[in-house]
């Protein structure tokens, strides 16, 4: 991207992409990152049998074991860093570190396994970190409306929800824009700056 020269130093902003196992977090980071994303995917092995719940994602052969990382340059003064979390419960100990310093999070949901995002919703609610719900619309899944999802997740009316396709750059951008707007609105209400 070509930008005019500026003497102002760049400011980095951190966003977390979270959710259950196999909901599309790695795909979302990769669809929008301007750099080849850093992925820490490994093959799923027999060692995860009885530990990880593969219900609904039996065809999945790899899993994120640490994080996904991507970058988006908004302009020379603003860079977004995207951190995708691992989805399995056994890797949740990393979430506090991944969320530290973030301005907000996208909780990616799969309506075929909506209960897989309850842990992420609880995590961000307990920490007071602004979050939005991105409902990843898989080709084979019924398309629920946003208010149906809100009711199923028992979310307050102020939490934005958007149907999306994590494979599509424009769709992912809309979710990130919604998160940035929500985080700025929450900061204004709290009288703080992002």
C-alpha atoms as a PDB file:
ATOM      1  CA  UNK A   1       0.000   0.000   0.000  1.00  0.00           C
ATOM      2  CA  UNK A   2       1.288   3.472  -0.828  1.00  0.00           C
ATOM      3  CA  UNK A   3       0.834   6.116   1.863  1.00  0.00           C
ATOM      4  CA  UNK A   4       2.058   9.649   2.300  1.00  0.00           C
ATOM      5  CA  UNK A   5       5.093   9.977   4.549  1.00  0.00           C
ATOM      6  CA  UNK A   6       4.315  10.813   8.131  1.00  0.00           C
ATOM      7  CA  UNK A   7       6.490  11.637  11.084  1.00  0.00           C
ATOM      8  CA  UNK A   8       4.053  10.091  13.553  1.00  0.00           C
ATOM      9  CA  UNK A   9       5.095   6.673  14.842  1.00  0.00           C
ATOM     10  CA  UNK A  10       2.854   3.737  14.110  1.00  0.00           C
ATOM     11  CA  UNK A  11       0.416   2.542  16.760  1.00  0.00           C
ATOM     12  CA  UNK A  12      -0.281  -1.173  17.057  1.00  0.00           C
ATOM     13  CA  UNK A  13      -3.665  -2.507  18.110  1.00  0.00           C
ATOM     14  CA  UNK A  14      -4.276  -6.093  19.172  1.00  0.00           C
ATOM     15  CA  UNK A  15      -7.437  -8.074  18.390  1.00  0.00           C
ATOM     16  CA  UNK A  16      -8.167 -11.635  19.513  1.00  0.00           C
ATOM     17  CA  UNK A  17     -10.076 -14.154  17.377  1.00  0.00           C
ATOM     18  CA  UNK A  18     -11.484 -16.824  19.700  1.00  0.00           C
ATOM     19  CA  UNK A  19     -14.029 -19.618  19.771  1.00  0.00           C
ATOM     20  CA  UNK A  20     -14.376 -23.346  19.947  1.00  0.00           C
ATOM     21  CA  UNK A  21     -12.452 -26.030  18.139  1.00  0.00           C
ATOM     22  CA  UNK A  22     -12.926 -26.014  14.360  1.00  0.00           C
ATOM     23  CA  UNK A  23     -15.091 -22.872  14.083  1.00  0.00           C
ATOM     24  CA  UNK A  24     -12.812 -21.153  11.535  1.00  0.00           C
ATOM     25  CA  UNK A  25     -10.427 -18.969  13.547  1.00  0.00           C
ATOM     26  CA  UNK A  26      -7.343 -19.914  11.507  1.00  0.00           C
ATOM     27  CA  UNK A  27      -9.329 -19.391   8.305  1.00  0.00           C
ATOM     28  CA  UNK A  28     -10.544 -15.964   9.474  1.00  0.00           C
ATOM     29  CA  UNK A  29      -7.043 -14.721  10.328  1.00  0.00           C
ATOM     30  CA  UNK A  30      -5.710 -16.008   7.004  1.00  0.00           C
ATOM     31  CA  UNK A  31      -8.524 -14.502   4.934  1.00  0.00           C
ATOM     32  CA  UNK A  32      -7.725 -10.938   5.945  1.00  0.00           C
ATOM     33  CA  UNK A  33      -4.025 -10.826   6.882  1.00  0.00           C
ATOM     34  CA  UNK A  34      -1.812  -8.798   4.551  1.00  0.00           C
ATOM     35  CA  UNK A  35       1.133 -11.031   5.417  1.00  0.00           C
ATOM     36  CA  UNK A  36       1.300 -14.803   5.203  1.00  0.00           C
ATOM     37  CA  UNK A  37      -0.186 -15.673   8.604  1.00  0.00           C
ATOM     38  CA  UNK A  38       1.835 -17.443  11.225  1.00  0.00           C
ATOM     39  CA  UNK A  39       0.051 -20.702  11.949  1.00  0.00           C
ATOM     40  CA  UNK A  40       0.887 -23.252  14.606  1.00  0.00           C
ATOM     41  CA  UNK A  41      -1.173 -26.095  13.232  1.00  0.00           C
ATOM     42  CA  UNK A  42      -0.309 -29.697  13.917  1.00  0.00           C
ATOM     43  CA  UNK A  43      -1.865 -32.961  12.836  1.00  0.00           C
ATOM     44  CA  UNK A  44      -4.536 -34.341  15.131  1.00  0.00           C
ATOM     45  CA  UNK A  45      -3.226 -37.609  16.531  1.00  0.00           C
ATOM     46  CA  UNK A  46      -4.612 -40.546  18.460  1.00  0.00           C
ATOM     47  CA  UNK A  47      -3.257 -38.893  21.621  1.00  0.00           C
ATOM     48  CA  UNK A  48      -6.177 -36.457  21.484  1.00  0.00           C
ATOM     49  CA  UNK A  49      -8.739 -39.275  21.531  1.00  0.00           C
ATOM     50  CA  UNK A  50     -10.840 -38.980  24.649  1.00  0.00           C
ATOM     51  CA  UNK A  51      -9.323 -35.548  25.362  1.00  0.00           C
ATOM     52  CA  UNK A  52     -10.636 -33.395  22.505  1.00  0.00           C
ATOM     53  CA  UNK A  53     -14.255 -33.437  21.395  1.00  0.00           C
ATOM     54  CA  UNK A  54     -14.248 -33.845  17.611  1.00  0.00           C
ATOM     55  CA  UNK A  55     -18.046 -34.065  17.370  1.00  0.00           C
ATOM     56  CA  UNK A  56     -19.159 -32.169  14.291  1.00  0.00           C
ATOM     57  CA  UNK A  57     -15.627 -31.736  12.960  1.00  0.00           C
ATOM     58  CA  UNK A  58     -14.648 -35.336  12.324  1.00  0.00           C
ATOM     59  CA  UNK A  59     -13.119 -34.395   8.936  1.00  0.00           C
ATOM     60  CA  UNK A  60     -10.673 -31.936  10.554  1.00  0.00           C
ATOM     61  CA  UNK A  61      -7.090 -33.219  10.422  1.00  0.00           C
ATOM     62  CA  UNK A  62      -5.118 -30.328  11.938  1.00  0.00           C
ATOM     63  CA  UNK A  63      -5.494 -28.086  14.968  1.00  0.00           C
ATOM     64  CA  UNK A  64      -3.958 -24.856  16.250  1.00  0.00           C
ATOM     65  CA  UNK A  65      -1.725 -25.647  19.214  1.00  0.00           C
ATOM     66  CA  UNK A  66      -0.517 -22.151  20.155  1.00  0.00           C
ATOM     67  CA  UNK A  67      -1.852 -19.268  18.065  1.00  0.00           C
ATOM     68  CA  UNK A  68      -2.477 -17.820  14.649  1.00  0.00           C
ATOM     69  CA  UNK A  69      -1.026 -14.405  13.872  1.00  0.00           C
ATOM     70  CA  UNK A  70      -1.842 -11.934  11.130  1.00  0.00           C
ATOM     71  CA  UNK A  71      -1.447  -8.228  10.408  1.00  0.00           C
ATOM     72  CA  UNK A  72      -3.501  -5.517   8.736  1.00  0.00           C
ATOM     73  CA  UNK A  73      -2.102  -2.040   8.041  1.00  0.00           C
ATOM     74  CA  UNK A  74      -4.972   0.440   8.205  1.00  0.00           C
ATOM     75  CA  UNK A  75      -2.668   3.400   7.502  1.00  0.00           C
ATOM     76  CA  UNK A  76       0.941   4.244   8.406  1.00  0.00           C
ATOM     77  CA  UNK A  77      -0.156   5.202  11.918  1.00  0.00           C
ATOM     78  CA  UNK A  78      -2.420   2.217  12.675  1.00  0.00           C
ATOM     79  CA  UNK A  79      -1.612  -1.474  12.432  1.00  0.00           C
ATOM     80  CA  UNK A  80      -3.951  -4.228  13.604  1.00  0.00           C
ATOM     81  CA  UNK A  81      -2.427  -7.427  14.925  1.00  0.00           C
ATOM     82  CA  UNK A  82      -4.718 -10.450  14.885  1.00  0.00           C
ATOM     83  CA  UNK A  83      -4.178 -13.261  17.378  1.00  0.00           C
ATOM     84  CA  UNK A  84      -6.198 -16.431  16.857  1.00  0.00           C
ATOM     85  CA  UNK A  85      -6.567 -18.651  19.902  1.00  0.00           C
ATOM     86  CA  UNK A  86      -6.453 -22.437  19.996  1.00  0.00           C
ATOM     87  CA  UNK A  87      -9.968 -23.812  20.409  1.00  0.00           C
ATOM     88  CA  UNK A  88      -9.521 -26.929  22.506  1.00  0.00           C
ATOM     89  CA  UNK A  89     -10.122 -26.627  26.243  1.00  0.00           C
ATOM     90  CA  UNK A  90      -6.688 -28.067  27.026  1.00  0.00           C
ATOM     91  CA  UNK A  91      -5.044 -25.010  25.423  1.00  0.00           C
ATOM     92  CA  UNK A  92      -7.163 -22.374  27.167  1.00  0.00           C
ATOM     93  CA  UNK A  93      -4.367 -21.666  29.647  1.00  0.00           C
ATOM     94  CA  UNK A  94      -2.821 -19.537  26.849  1.00  0.00           C
ATOM     95  CA  UNK A  95      -5.847 -17.297  26.417  1.00  0.00           C
ATOM     96  CA  UNK A  96      -4.924 -14.837  29.188  1.00  0.00           C
ATOM     97  CA  UNK A  97      -1.580 -14.153  27.525  1.00  0.00           C
ATOM     98  CA  UNK A  98      -3.110 -13.879  24.066  1.00  0.00           C
ATOM     99  CA  UNK A  99      -5.802 -11.476  25.314  1.00  0.00           C
ATOM    100  CA  UNK A 100      -3.445  -9.263  27.343  1.00  0.00           C
ATOM    101  CA  UNK A 101      -3.413  -5.766  25.807  1.00  0.00           C
ATOM    102  CA  UNK A 102      -6.173  -6.480  23.278  1.00  0.00           C
ATOM    103  CA  UNK A 103      -8.799  -3.834  22.600  1.00  0.00           C
ATOM    104  CA  UNK A 104     -11.408  -6.483  21.904  1.00  0.00           C
ATOM    105  CA  UNK A 105     -12.225  -9.909  20.560  1.00  0.00           C
ATOM    106  CA  UNK A 106     -14.216 -11.683  17.914  1.00  0.00           C
ATOM    107  CA  UNK A 107     -15.925 -14.796  19.236  1.00  0.00           C
ATOM    108  CA  UNK A 108     -16.424 -16.973  16.194  1.00  0.00           C
ATOM    109  CA  UNK A 109     -19.464 -19.249  16.437  1.00  0.00           C
ATOM    110  CA  UNK A 110     -20.594 -22.304  14.496  1.00  0.00           C
ATOM    111  CA  UNK A 111     -24.374 -22.755  14.798  1.00  0.00           C
ATOM    112  CA  UNK A 112     -23.983 -26.517  14.299  1.00  0.00           C
ATOM    113  CA  UNK A 113     -22.061 -26.585  17.603  1.00  0.00           C
ATOM    114  CA  UNK A 114     -23.074 -23.331  19.270  1.00  0.00           C
ATOM    115  CA  UNK A 115     -22.132 -24.611  22.719  1.00  0.00           C
ATOM    116  CA  UNK A 116     -18.474 -24.587  21.625  1.00  0.00           C
ATOM    117  CA  UNK A 117     -18.365 -20.786  21.957  1.00  0.00           C
ATOM    118  CA  UNK A 118     -19.853 -20.566  25.483  1.00  0.00           C
ATOM    119  CA  UNK A 119     -16.379 -20.734  27.037  1.00  0.00           C
ATOM    120  CA  UNK A 120     -15.109 -17.844  24.904  1.00  0.00           C
ATOM    121  CA  UNK A 121     -18.153 -15.693  25.701  1.00  0.00           C
ATOM    122  CA  UNK A 122     -17.660 -16.358  29.432  1.00  0.00           C
ATOM    123  CA  UNK A 123     -13.928 -15.638  29.177  1.00  0.00           C
ATOM    124  CA  UNK A 124     -14.400 -12.153  27.688  1.00  0.00           C
ATOM    125  CA  UNK A 125     -17.428 -11.269  29.811  1.00  0.00           C
ATOM    126  CA  UNK A 126     -15.496 -12.058  33.015  1.00  0.00           C
ATOM    127  CA  UNK A 127     -12.564  -9.909  31.902  1.00  0.00           C
ATOM    128  CA  UNK A 128     -14.699  -7.000  30.708  1.00  0.00           C
ATOM    129  CA  UNK A 129     -13.085  -7.112  27.256  1.00  0.00           C
ATOM    130  CA  UNK A 130     -15.417  -5.884  24.497  1.00  0.00           C
ATOM    131  CA  UNK A 131     -16.335  -8.650  22.077  1.00  0.00           C
ATOM    132  CA  UNK A 132     -18.598  -9.300  19.139  1.00  0.00           C
ATOM    133  CA  UNK A 133     -20.007 -12.549  17.817  1.00  0.00           C
ATOM    134  CA  UNK A 134     -19.189 -13.566  14.262  1.00  0.00           C
ATOM    135  CA  UNK A 135     -21.496 -16.395  13.210  1.00  0.00           C
ATOM    136  CA  UNK A 136     -19.481 -18.357  10.665  1.00  0.00           C
ATOM    137  CA  UNK A 137     -22.044 -19.570   8.117  1.00  0.00           C
ATOM    138  CA  UNK A 138     -20.881 -22.998   6.990  1.00  0.00           C
ATOM    139  CA  UNK A 139     -22.277 -24.213   3.668  1.00  0.00           C
ATOM    140  CA  UNK A 140     -23.996 -27.252   5.186  1.00  0.00           C
ATOM    141  CA  UNK A 141     -25.498 -25.440   8.199  1.00  0.00           C
ATOM    142  CA  UNK A 142     -28.914 -23.901   8.708  1.00  0.00           C
ATOM    143  CA  UNK A 143     -28.694 -20.094   8.771  1.00  0.00           C
ATOM    144  CA  UNK A 144     -30.076 -18.812  12.051  1.00  0.00           C
ATOM    145  CA  UNK A 145     -30.875 -15.133  12.452  1.00  0.00           C
ATOM    146  CA  UNK A 146     -28.763 -12.969  14.731  1.00  0.00           C
ATOM    147  CA  UNK A 147     -31.534 -12.658  17.327  1.00  0.00           C
ATOM    148  CA  UNK A 148     -31.925 -16.445  17.450  1.00  0.00           C
ATOM    149  CA  UNK A 149     -28.187 -16.701  18.124  1.00  0.00           C
ATOM    150  CA  UNK A 150     -28.412 -13.932  20.743  1.00  0.00           C
ATOM    151  CA  UNK A 151     -31.146 -15.855  22.564  1.00  0.00           C
ATOM    152  CA  UNK A 152     -29.285 -19.168  22.367  1.00  0.00           C
ATOM    153  CA  UNK A 153     -26.122 -17.556  23.785  1.00  0.00           C
ATOM    154  CA  UNK A 154     -28.100 -15.496  26.338  1.00  0.00           C
ATOM    155  CA  UNK A 155     -26.270 -12.324  25.278  1.00  0.00           C
ATOM    156  CA  UNK A 156     -27.078  -8.782  26.324  1.00  0.00           C
ATOM    157  CA  UNK A 157     -28.531  -6.579  23.602  1.00  0.00           C
ATOM    158  CA  UNK A 158     -25.374  -4.442  23.416  1.00  0.00           C
ATOM    159  CA  UNK A 159     -23.183  -7.312  22.097  1.00  0.00           C
ATOM    160  CA  UNK A 160     -23.090  -7.027  18.284  1.00  0.00           C
ATOM    161  CA  UNK A 161     -23.664 -10.158  16.205  1.00  0.00           C
ATOM    162  CA  UNK A 162     -22.924 -10.516  12.499  1.00  0.00           C
ATOM    163  CA  UNK A 163     -23.357 -13.439  10.120  1.00  0.00           C
ATOM    164  CA  UNK A 164     -20.113 -13.985   8.223  1.00  0.00           C
ATOM    165  CA  UNK A 165     -18.045 -16.291   6.066  1.00  0.00           C
ATOM    166  CA  UNK A 166     -14.553 -16.604   7.568  1.00  0.00           C
ATOM    167  CA  UNK A 167     -13.188 -17.636   4.149  1.00  0.00           C
ATOM    168  CA  UNK A 168     -14.110 -14.301   2.577  1.00  0.00           C
ATOM    169  CA  UNK A 169     -11.873 -11.279   3.108  1.00  0.00           C
ATOM    170  CA  UNK A 170     -14.718  -8.734   2.837  1.00  0.00           C
ATOM    171  CA  UNK A 171     -16.882 -10.656   5.275  1.00  0.00           C
ATOM    172  CA  UNK A 172     -14.049 -10.877   7.800  1.00  0.00           C
ATOM    173  CA  UNK A 173     -13.348  -7.149   7.361  1.00  0.00           C
ATOM    174  CA  UNK A 174     -16.976  -6.368   8.249  1.00  0.00           C
ATOM    175  CA  UNK A 175     -16.682  -8.362  11.476  1.00  0.00           C
ATOM    176  CA  UNK A 176     -13.448  -6.549  12.395  1.00  0.00           C
ATOM    177  CA  UNK A 177     -14.989  -3.153  11.620  1.00  0.00           C
ATOM    178  CA  UNK A 178     -17.953  -4.054  13.828  1.00  0.00           C
ATOM    179  CA  UNK A 179     -15.532  -4.992  16.632  1.00  0.00           C
ATOM    180  CA  UNK A 180     -13.543  -1.749  16.313  1.00  0.00           C
ATOM    181  CA  UNK A 181     -16.742   0.329  16.402  1.00  0.00           C
ATOM    182  CA  UNK A 182     -18.007  -1.617  19.418  1.00  0.00           C
ATOM    183  CA  UNK A 183     -14.694  -1.299  21.289  1.00  0.00           C
ATOM    184  CA  UNK A 184     -14.585   2.462  20.635  1.00  0.00           C
ATOM    185  CA  UNK A 185     -18.191   2.867  21.822  1.00  0.00           C
ATOM    186  CA  UNK A 186     -17.446   0.849  24.988  1.00  0.00           C
ATOM    187  CA  UNK A 187     -14.342   2.986  25.645  1.00  0.00           C
ATOM    188  CA  UNK A 188     -16.355   6.193  25.248  1.00  0.00           C
ATOM    189  CA  UNK A 189     -18.973   4.914  27.718  1.00  0.00           C
ATOM    190  CA  UNK A 190     -16.228   4.070  30.208  1.00  0.00           C
ATOM    191  CA  UNK A 191     -14.494   7.416  29.645  1.00  0.00           C
ATOM    192  CA  UNK A 192     -11.279   5.762  28.489  1.00  0.00           C
ATOM    193  CA  UNK A 193      -9.275   5.794  25.290  1.00  0.00           C
ATOM    194  CA  UNK A 194      -8.364   2.863  23.086  1.00  0.00           C
END
